Structure formats: C-alpha cells, structure tokens
Amino acid sequence: MNYLQRTILLKNWEGKSYGQIAQETGYDPKYVKDTGYRLWKQGFYPAASIL
C-alpha cells in the first residue's frame, strides 16, 4: 500500500472527502477519487462494512 492509499484510508475514516484529501495532499482530485474507488473495489475498507 502506497502513501496515497494509506492517506485515503486514514482521512476517509476521519470523514474527509476525496476533494479534501486531494487539497491536503496536492494530488489531482480525479486521481484521488480513482485511487479511492480502487481501494473500495479491492475491499480495503473492512471497517466500513460493519458500520
């Protein structure tokens, strides 16, 4: 897992949107959104499934 993937997981857990994460990290918003989508698709959000 790379820096952006870890950051998306942590910041999303804090309730941050992909747009906010992009702004905080300097990554392109579309790239952050696409990376987040791939994390969801791969099942990297196990905690979210129990909420």
N, C-alpha and C. Protein backbone atom coordinates (compact mmCIF):
# COMPACT_ATOMS: atom_id res chain seq x y z
N MET A 1 0.85 -1.17 0.00
CA MET A 1 0.00 0.00 0.00
C MET A 1 0.90 1.24 0.00
N ASN A 2 0.62 2.15 -0.90
CA ASN A 2 1.46 3.34 -1.01
C ASN A 2 0.94 4.49 -0.12
N TYR A 3 1.68 5.59 -0.15
CA TYR A 3 1.35 6.74 0.69
C TYR A 3 -0.08 7.24 0.45
N LEU A 4 -0.44 7.43 -0.80
CA LEU A 4 -1.77 7.96 -1.09
C LEU A 4 -2.86 7.01 -0.64
N GLN A 5 -2.70 5.73 -0.87
CA GLN A 5 -3.70 4.75 -0.44
C GLN A 5 -3.88 4.79 1.07
N ARG A 6 -2.78 4.81 1.81
CA ARG A 6 -2.87 4.89 3.28
C ARG A 6 -3.55 6.19 3.72
N THR A 7 -3.17 7.27 3.06
CA THR A 7 -3.74 8.57 3.41
C THR A 7 -5.24 8.60 3.14
N ILE A 8 -5.66 8.05 2.02
CA ILE A 8 -7.09 8.00 1.70
C ILE A 8 -7.84 7.21 2.77
N LEU A 9 -7.30 6.07 3.16
CA LEU A 9 -7.96 5.26 4.19
C LEU A 9 -8.08 6.04 5.50
N LEU A 10 -6.99 6.65 5.93
CA LEU A 10 -6.99 7.37 7.20
C LEU A 10 -7.90 8.60 7.16
N LYS A 11 -7.77 9.38 6.12
CA LYS A 11 -8.56 10.62 6.03
C LYS A 11 -10.04 10.32 5.80
N ASN A 12 -10.33 9.26 5.05
CA ASN A 12 -11.72 8.89 4.84
C ASN A 12 -12.35 8.44 6.16
N TRP A 13 -11.57 7.74 6.97
CA TRP A 13 -12.03 7.32 8.30
C TRP A 13 -12.36 8.54 9.15
N GLU A 14 -11.62 9.63 8.95
CA GLU A 14 -11.85 10.88 9.68
C GLU A 14 -13.03 11.67 9.10
N GLY A 15 -13.62 11.16 8.03
CA GLY A 15 -14.77 11.81 7.43
C GLY A 15 -14.44 12.79 6.32
N LYS A 16 -13.20 12.79 5.85
CA LYS A 16 -12.79 13.71 4.79
C LYS A 16 -13.23 13.18 3.42
N SER A 17 -13.59 14.10 2.56
CA SER A 17 -13.98 13.73 1.19
C SER A 17 -12.73 13.58 0.33
N TYR A 18 -12.91 12.99 -0.85
CA TYR A 18 -11.79 12.86 -1.77
C TYR A 18 -11.27 14.24 -2.17
N GLY A 19 -12.16 15.20 -2.33
CA GLY A 19 -11.74 16.56 -2.67
C GLY A 19 -10.87 17.18 -1.59
N GLN A 20 -11.26 16.97 -0.33
CA GLN A 20 -10.47 17.49 0.78
C GLN A 20 -9.11 16.80 0.85
N ILE A 21 -9.11 15.49 0.62
CA ILE A 21 -7.85 14.73 0.64
C ILE A 21 -6.93 15.23 -0.46
N ALA A 22 -7.48 15.47 -1.64
CA ALA A 22 -6.69 15.97 -2.76
C ALA A 22 -6.08 17.33 -2.42
N GLN A 23 -6.88 18.18 -1.83
CA GLN A 23 -6.40 19.51 -1.48
C GLN A 23 -5.29 19.43 -0.44
N GLU A 24 -5.44 18.56 0.55
CA GLU A 24 -4.44 18.43 1.61
C GLU A 24 -3.15 17.78 1.13
N THR A 25 -3.24 16.88 0.15
CA THR A 25 -2.06 16.14 -0.28
C THR A 25 -1.42 16.71 -1.54
N GLY A 26 -2.15 17.53 -2.28
CA GLY A 26 -1.62 18.09 -3.52
C GLY A 26 -1.80 17.20 -4.73
N TYR A 27 -2.49 16.07 -4.56
CA TYR A 27 -2.78 15.19 -5.69
C TYR A 27 -3.98 15.73 -6.46
N ASP A 28 -4.08 15.35 -7.72
CA ASP A 28 -5.21 15.71 -8.55
C ASP A 28 -6.48 15.05 -7.98
N PRO A 29 -7.58 15.81 -7.84
CA PRO A 29 -8.80 15.24 -7.27
C PRO A 29 -9.30 13.98 -7.99
N LYS A 30 -9.21 13.96 -9.32
CA LYS A 30 -9.66 12.78 -10.06
C LYS A 30 -8.79 11.57 -9.72
N TYR A 31 -7.50 11.78 -9.57
CA TYR A 31 -6.59 10.68 -9.24
C TYR A 31 -6.90 10.14 -7.84
N VAL A 32 -7.18 11.03 -6.89
CA VAL A 32 -7.54 10.60 -5.54
C VAL A 32 -8.83 9.80 -5.57
N LYS A 33 -9.82 10.30 -6.30
CA LYS A 33 -11.11 9.61 -6.41
C LYS A 33 -10.95 8.23 -7.05
N ASP A 34 -10.17 8.16 -8.12
CA ASP A 34 -9.93 6.87 -8.79
C ASP A 34 -9.20 5.90 -7.87
N THR A 35 -8.22 6.40 -7.13
CA THR A 35 -7.48 5.55 -6.20
C THR A 35 -8.40 5.06 -5.08
N GLY A 36 -9.25 5.93 -4.57
CA GLY A 36 -10.21 5.54 -3.54
C GLY A 36 -11.18 4.49 -4.05
N TYR A 37 -11.64 4.67 -5.28
CA TYR A 37 -12.55 3.69 -5.89
C TYR A 37 -11.88 2.32 -5.97
N ARG A 38 -10.62 2.30 -6.39
CA ARG A 38 -9.90 1.03 -6.50
C ARG A 38 -9.74 0.37 -5.12
N LEU A 39 -9.53 1.19 -4.08
CA LEU A 39 -9.43 0.62 -2.73
C LEU A 39 -10.74 -0.03 -2.32
N TRP A 40 -11.86 0.65 -2.57
CA TRP A 40 -13.17 0.08 -2.26
C TRP A 40 -13.38 -1.22 -3.03
N LYS A 41 -13.05 -1.19 -4.32
CA LYS A 41 -13.26 -2.35 -5.17
C LYS A 41 -12.43 -3.55 -4.70
N GLN A 42 -11.23 -3.27 -4.18
CA GLN A 42 -10.35 -4.34 -3.71
C GLN A 42 -10.67 -4.77 -2.28
N GLY A 43 -11.62 -4.08 -1.64
CA GLY A 43 -12.03 -4.48 -0.30
C GLY A 43 -11.15 -3.95 0.81
N PHE A 44 -10.50 -2.81 0.61
CA PHE A 44 -9.63 -2.25 1.64
C PHE A 44 -10.37 -1.38 2.64
N TYR A 45 -11.68 -1.48 2.71
CA TYR A 45 -12.46 -0.73 3.67
C TYR A 45 -13.24 -1.69 4.57
N PRO A 46 -12.58 -2.62 5.23
CA PRO A 46 -13.32 -3.61 6.03
C PRO A 46 -14.08 -2.99 7.18
N ALA A 47 -13.56 -1.94 7.79
CA ALA A 47 -14.24 -1.33 8.93
C ALA A 47 -15.56 -0.70 8.50
N ALA A 48 -15.62 -0.18 7.31
CA ALA A 48 -16.84 0.46 6.82
C ALA A 48 -17.97 -0.54 6.66
N SER A 49 -17.64 -1.79 6.44
CA SER A 49 -18.68 -2.79 6.21
C SER A 49 -19.40 -3.18 7.50
N ILE A 50 -18.85 -2.84 8.66
CA ILE A 50 -19.51 -3.20 9.91
C ILE A 50 -20.28 -2.04 10.51
N LEU A 51 -20.23 -0.87 9.87
CA LEU A 51 -20.94 0.30 10.39
C LEU A 51 -22.41 0.25 10.06
